[in-house]
Protein backbone atom coordinates (compact mmCIF):
# COMPACT_ATOMS: atom_id res chain seq x y z
CA MET A 1 100.67 161.02 32.03
CA ASN A 2 96.90 161.38 32.27
CA THR A 3 96.68 157.79 33.47
CA SER A 4 99.15 158.47 36.32
CA ALA A 5 97.28 161.59 37.36
CA GLN A 6 94.00 159.72 37.27
CA SER A 7 95.44 156.89 39.42
CA GLY A 8 96.77 159.41 41.92
CA GLN A 9 93.40 161.11 42.13
CA GLU A 10 91.65 157.77 42.68
CA GLY A 11 94.11 156.90 45.45
CA LYS A 12 93.49 160.27 47.08
CA ASN A 13 89.75 159.75 46.87
CA ARG A 14 90.06 156.28 48.41
CA SER A 15 92.22 157.64 51.23
CA GLU A 16 89.67 160.36 51.94
CA ALA A 17 86.86 157.76 51.91
CA ASP A 18 88.85 155.55 54.30
CA ARG A 19 89.38 158.43 56.69
CA THR A 20 85.69 159.30 56.55
CA PHE A 21 84.78 155.69 57.28
CA ASP A 22 87.23 155.57 60.20
CA ARG A 23 85.79 158.74 61.72
CA SER A 24 82.24 157.43 61.31
CA PHE A 25 83.16 154.10 62.85
CA ILE A 26 84.81 155.81 65.83
CA TRP A 27 81.76 157.97 66.48
CA VAL A 28 79.38 155.01 66.18
CA THR A 29 81.41 152.95 68.65
CA ARG A 30 81.60 155.94 71.02
CA PHE A 31 77.84 156.32 70.81
CA PHE A 32 77.23 152.70 71.79
CA ALA A 33 79.88 152.82 74.53
CA PHE A 34 78.37 155.93 76.12
CA GLY A 35 74.92 154.43 75.57
CA ILE A 36 75.84 151.38 77.66
CA ALA A 37 77.21 153.65 80.40
CA ALA A 38 74.02 155.74 80.31
CA VAL A 39 71.81 152.64 80.62
CA LEU A 40 73.90 151.43 83.56
CA LEU A 41 73.62 154.79 85.32
CA TRP A 42 69.90 154.96 84.61
CA ILE A 43 69.32 151.52 86.14
CA GLY A 44 71.35 152.46 89.21
CA PHE A 45 69.49 155.76 89.52
CA GLN A 46 66.05 154.16 89.30
CA VAL A 47 66.91 151.46 91.84
CA GLY A 48 68.42 154.06 94.17
CA VAL A 49 65.38 156.35 93.95
CA GLN A 50 63.05 153.47 94.82
CA GLY A 51 65.19 152.73 97.88
CA ILE A 52 65.20 156.27 99.27
CA PRO A 53 62.37 155.69 101.82
CA ALA A 54 64.30 152.78 103.38
CA LEU A 55 67.53 154.76 103.19
CA SER A 56 65.89 157.66 105.02
CA LYS A 57 64.56 155.43 107.79
CA PHE A 58 67.46 153.00 108.32
CA GLY A 59 70.46 154.88 106.90
CA ALA A 60 73.79 153.06 106.92
CA GLY A 61 72.54 150.85 109.75
CA PHE A 62 70.70 148.86 107.09
CA LEU A 63 74.09 147.42 106.09
CA PHE A 64 75.11 146.33 109.59
CA THR A 65 71.98 144.86 111.18
CA THR A 66 70.60 141.35 110.87
CA ASP A 67 66.86 141.92 111.38
CA TRP A 68 64.54 141.27 108.45
CA ASN A 69 61.04 141.45 109.88
CA PRO A 70 58.36 142.69 107.41
CA PRO A 71 55.48 142.67 109.96
CA ARG A 72 57.44 145.10 112.17
CA ASP A 73 59.06 146.97 109.24
CA LEU A 74 62.55 146.22 110.54
CA TYR A 75 65.13 145.52 107.88
CA GLY A 76 68.84 144.79 107.84
CA VAL A 77 70.84 143.22 105.04
CA LEU A 78 74.10 142.15 106.71
CA PRO A 79 73.38 138.37 106.52
CA GLN A 80 72.55 138.71 102.84
CA ILE A 81 75.74 140.65 102.14
CA TYR A 82 77.70 137.96 103.97
CA GLY A 83 75.96 135.16 102.05
CA THR A 84 76.50 136.90 98.72
CA LEU A 85 80.21 137.44 99.27
CA ALA A 86 80.85 134.07 100.95
CA SER A 87 79.07 131.96 98.32
CA SER A 88 80.75 133.90 95.50
CA PHE A 89 84.15 133.50 97.16
CA ILE A 90 83.64 129.74 97.53
CA GLY A 91 82.56 129.48 93.92
CA LEU A 92 85.58 131.40 92.62
CA LEU A 93 87.95 129.56 94.96
CA ILE A 94 86.94 126.35 93.19
CA ALA A 95 86.35 127.66 89.67
CA VAL A 96 89.39 129.90 89.12
CA PRO A 97 92.16 127.27 89.31
CA ILE A 98 90.09 124.71 87.41
CA GLY A 99 89.04 127.27 84.78
CA ILE A 100 92.53 128.64 84.18
CA GLY A 101 93.98 125.13 84.10
CA THR A 102 91.36 124.06 81.57
CA ALA A 103 92.04 127.18 79.50
CA VAL A 104 95.76 126.33 79.42
CA LEU A 105 94.96 122.77 78.42
CA LEU A 106 92.70 123.93 75.59
CA SER A 107 94.97 126.71 74.29
CA GLU A 108 98.24 124.75 74.21
CA ASN A 109 99.11 121.81 71.98
CA ILE A 110 98.99 119.39 74.89
CA LEU A 111 96.06 117.32 73.63
CA PRO A 112 95.11 116.23 70.09
CA LEU A 113 93.00 118.77 68.21
CA SER A 114 90.01 116.41 67.98
CA LEU A 115 89.95 115.93 71.75
CA ARG A 116 90.38 119.66 72.41
CA THR A 117 87.43 120.38 70.12
CA VAL A 118 85.21 118.02 72.11
CA LEU A 119 86.33 119.54 75.42
CA VAL A 120 85.66 123.09 74.19
CA PHE A 121 82.15 122.03 73.18
CA LEU A 122 81.51 120.42 76.57
CA VAL A 123 82.74 123.49 78.48
CA GLU A 124 80.56 125.81 76.39
CA LEU A 125 77.62 123.45 76.90
CA LEU A 126 77.82 124.10 80.65
CA ALA A 127 76.94 127.75 79.99
CA ALA A 128 73.79 126.74 78.09
CA ILE A 129 72.23 124.75 80.94
CA PRO A 130 69.42 126.73 82.67
CA SER A 131 70.08 127.69 86.27
CA VAL A 132 66.93 125.89 87.48
CA VAL A 133 68.40 122.64 86.13
CA TYR A 134 71.55 123.27 88.16
CA GLY A 135 69.34 123.87 91.17
CA LEU A 136 67.45 120.61 90.73
CA TRP A 137 70.69 118.69 90.21
CA GLY A 138 72.03 120.27 93.36
CA ILE A 139 68.98 119.23 95.38
CA PHE A 140 68.85 115.62 94.26
CA VAL A 141 72.53 114.84 93.65
CA LEU A 142 74.90 117.37 95.19
CA ILE A 143 73.26 117.86 98.60
CA PRO A 144 73.02 114.11 99.40
CA PHE A 145 76.66 113.67 98.37
CA LEU A 146 77.77 116.62 100.49
CA GLY A 147 75.80 115.22 103.41
CA THR A 148 78.11 112.18 103.47
CA VAL A 149 81.24 114.26 102.97
CA GLY A 150 80.10 116.88 105.47
CA THR A 151 79.42 114.29 108.15
CA TRP A 152 82.96 112.93 107.75
CA LEU A 153 84.48 116.43 107.82
CA ASN A 154 82.49 117.35 110.93
CA GLN A 155 83.49 114.13 112.66
CA TYR A 156 87.22 114.68 112.23
CA PHE A 157 87.53 118.44 111.74
CA GLY A 158 84.51 119.76 113.59
CA TRP A 159 86.76 121.82 115.85
CA ILE A 160 87.35 124.10 112.84
CA PRO A 161 84.50 126.65 112.60
CA LEU A 162 84.14 126.07 108.84
CA PHE A 163 83.26 122.42 109.43
CA SER A 164 81.30 122.85 112.64
CA ARG A 165 77.73 121.61 112.98
CA PRO A 166 75.18 124.35 112.14
CA GLU A 167 72.68 125.62 114.71
CA SER A 168 69.95 123.51 113.13
CA GLY A 169 72.04 120.44 113.95
CA ALA A 170 71.59 118.90 110.49
CA ILE A 171 74.37 118.34 108.00
CA GLY A 172 73.40 117.54 104.44
CA GLY A 173 70.68 120.04 103.73
CA PRO A 174 70.68 123.35 101.84
CA GLY A 175 73.53 125.60 102.86
CA LEU A 176 76.43 127.79 101.88
CA LEU A 177 78.65 125.00 100.54
CA PRO A 178 76.18 123.54 98.00
CA ALA A 179 75.43 127.05 96.73
CA GLY A 180 79.14 127.82 96.38
CA ILE A 181 79.84 124.61 94.46
CA ILE A 182 76.96 125.26 92.08
CA LEU A 183 78.27 128.78 91.49
CA ALA A 184 81.69 127.28 90.71
CA ILE A 185 80.14 125.02 88.06
CA MET A 186 78.10 127.88 86.59
CA THR A 187 81.02 130.31 86.39
CA LEU A 188 83.54 127.76 85.09
CA PRO A 189 82.59 128.21 81.38
CA ILE A 190 83.03 132.00 81.63
CA ILE A 191 86.48 131.78 83.18
CA THR A 192 87.61 129.03 80.81
CA ALA A 193 86.36 130.61 77.58
CA ILE A 194 87.68 134.14 78.18
CA SER A 195 90.98 132.93 79.67
CA ARG A 196 91.46 130.61 76.71
CA ASP A 197 90.95 133.49 74.26
CA ALA A 198 93.39 135.65 76.26
CA LEU A 199 96.05 132.92 76.22
CA ALA A 200 95.53 132.18 72.54
CA SER A 201 95.95 135.87 71.63
CA VAL A 202 99.49 136.05 73.06
CA PRO A 203 101.81 136.78 70.09
CA ARG A 204 103.65 133.74 68.84
CA SER A 205 106.87 135.76 68.76
CA LEU A 206 106.91 135.85 72.57
CA ARG A 207 106.75 132.07 72.73
CA GLU A 208 109.50 131.69 70.17
CA ALA A 209 111.67 134.23 71.98
CA ALA A 210 111.25 132.35 75.26
CA TYR A 211 112.10 129.05 73.59
CA GLY A 212 115.10 130.72 71.97
CA LEU A 213 116.38 131.74 75.41
CA GLY A 214 116.22 128.12 76.53
CA CYS A 215 112.96 128.13 78.46
CA THR A 216 110.97 124.94 78.73
CA ARG A 217 107.30 124.77 77.79
CA TRP A 218 106.15 125.22 81.39
CA GLU A 219 108.62 128.03 82.07
CA THR A 220 107.34 129.79 78.95
CA LEU A 221 103.78 129.23 80.06
CA LEU A 222 104.23 130.41 83.66
CA LYS A 223 106.70 133.26 83.10
CA VAL A 224 105.69 134.62 79.69
CA ILE A 225 102.28 133.55 78.40
CA ILE A 226 100.17 133.76 81.58
CA PRO A 227 101.66 137.12 82.71
CA THR A 228 101.04 138.52 79.21
CA ALA A 229 97.42 137.33 79.26
CA PHE A 230 96.91 138.36 82.90
CA SER A 231 94.57 141.27 82.14
CA GLY A 232 92.29 138.99 80.13
CA ILE A 233 92.31 136.37 82.89
CA VAL A 234 91.42 138.98 85.51
CA SER A 235 88.57 140.18 83.29
CA ALA A 236 87.31 136.59 83.07
CA VAL A 237 87.41 136.21 86.85
CA MET A 238 85.61 139.52 87.42
CA LEU A 239 82.91 138.66 84.90
CA ALA A 240 82.46 135.32 86.64
CA LEU A 241 82.28 137.08 90.01
CA GLY A 242 79.54 139.35 88.70
CA ARG A 243 77.62 136.28 87.53
CA ALA A 244 78.11 134.59 90.90
CA MET A 245 76.98 137.61 92.92
CA GLY A 246 73.86 138.06 90.81
CA GLU A 247 72.83 134.42 90.36
CA THR A 248 69.32 133.90 91.67
CA MET A 249 67.42 130.72 90.93
CA ALA A 250 70.01 128.00 91.56
CA VAL A 251 71.32 129.73 94.69
CA THR A 252 67.79 130.28 96.01
CA MET A 253 67.10 126.56 95.68
CA LEU A 254 70.30 125.50 97.45
CA ILE A 255 71.42 128.08 100.01
CA GLY A 256 68.62 127.62 102.54
CA ASN A 257 67.37 131.24 102.63
CA SER A 258 68.15 131.78 106.31
CA ASN A 259 68.85 135.32 107.48
CA ARG A 260 71.60 134.30 109.89
CA ILE A 261 75.38 134.56 109.86
CA SER A 262 77.23 131.36 110.65
CA PRO A 263 80.89 130.41 110.10
CA SER A 264 79.89 126.86 109.16
CA LEU A 265 79.88 125.89 105.50
CA PHE A 266 76.96 123.55 106.18
CA ALA A 267 74.69 126.23 107.68
CA PRO A 268 71.84 127.74 105.65
CA SER A 269 72.47 131.29 104.47
CA ASN A 270 71.01 133.84 102.10
CA THR A 271 72.04 136.23 99.34
CA ILE A 272 70.69 139.56 98.18
CA ALA A 273 69.56 138.08 94.87
CA SER A 274 67.75 135.23 96.65
CA LEU A 275 66.12 137.69 99.03
CA LEU A 276 64.76 139.69 96.09
CA ALA A 277 63.51 136.57 94.32
CA ASN A 278 61.74 135.22 97.40
CA GLN A 279 60.07 138.37 98.70
CA PHE A 280 59.58 140.92 95.94
CA ALA A 281 56.40 139.38 94.50
CA GLU A 282 54.55 139.63 97.83
CA ALA A 283 56.18 142.79 99.18
CA GLY A 284 54.42 146.05 99.84
CA GLY A 285 54.99 149.43 101.40
CA LEU A 286 58.34 149.94 103.08
CA GLN A 287 59.39 146.37 102.31
CA ILE A 288 59.57 147.19 98.60
CA SER A 289 61.81 150.15 99.36
CA ALA A 290 64.01 147.95 101.58
CA LEU A 291 64.33 145.39 98.80
CA MET A 292 65.29 148.11 96.31
CA TYR A 293 67.82 149.43 98.82
CA ALA A 294 69.26 145.90 99.01
CA ALA A 295 69.36 145.72 95.21
CA PHE A 296 71.24 149.02 95.12
CA VAL A 297 73.73 147.61 97.65
CA LEU A 298 74.32 144.63 95.33
CA PHE A 299 74.75 147.06 92.43
CA VAL A 300 77.37 149.03 94.36
CA LEU A 301 79.19 145.88 95.53
CA THR A 302 79.51 144.67 91.95
CA LEU A 303 80.74 148.09 90.85
CA ILE A 304 83.37 148.21 93.60
CA VAL A 305 84.65 144.74 92.70
CA ASN A 306 85.02 145.67 89.04
CA VAL A 307 86.79 148.95 89.86
CA LEU A 308 89.25 147.10 92.10
CA ALA A 309 89.87 144.59 89.32
CA GLU A 310 90.65 147.38 86.86
CA LEU A 311 93.08 148.92 89.35
CA VAL A 312 94.82 145.54 89.74
CA VAL A 313 95.14 145.20 85.96
CA LEU A 314 96.53 148.72 85.57
CA ARG A 315 99.03 148.13 88.36
CA VAL A 316 100.24 144.91 86.77
CA LYS A 317 100.62 146.59 83.38
CA ARG A 318 102.88 149.23 84.94
CA LEU A 319 105.24 146.60 86.41
């Protein structure tokens, strides 16, 4: 009888200890979560404060003008916004289908395990290559190759604005297309790795239920597995978009750093990150404030994109 009472007391003590541990763990995780949010807000606040002089002088017109003339203290960031969004869009347009397809290939039993292991290693290795190496590869390999391809595209499809000859007249130099392709290569490991984890985490019972209803492998994949893992895939794409919008060194080496807006993929362009990398070291006075204003614009753009992605995920979950 005493033994039973003692066992019951020990179980009660263990339960109380487990509850205490759970409460402590919840508070610790909340602390770190709110800490990350506080750091993010602090960074945004500091960047915004530094940009107040430029905001006071140029206002919202800073976002819609194309002048960037430090000697005359005239600044507008519209070409950089265009270059940031356009290069990121090109990168994701290439990387998303390839990344999701690779994730499906690596998460399903389509290939032998030994071959899948090698492919996973190679995809992860792409993420470990420094961006300056991507930039050098782009200069010496990608740009000459695109010069040949671009000349052919311009010859037969030059009537399309995307493939028109840039104002400089040269095809095959730094421009929007090389920067977009490099961004696709750099964001591919992020999309593949996170999408693969999302697909692999789909409960096996859903697969078996789909097979039990007579679905084929591809029907199960397209109608059950991918929709179930959709939120994880969207998160992968948004994380890759954030990387693309903020990439500096490789894009700076390949995009041409021209503050002009052109519909041609072969024309030089610029991004906000490249603008900061090129000019911040030598900036002074109002130019520093203008650069911080531009950095705050990039901060807000990234925030808006992530909020929209969360809204998409929530809407899909309700359906």
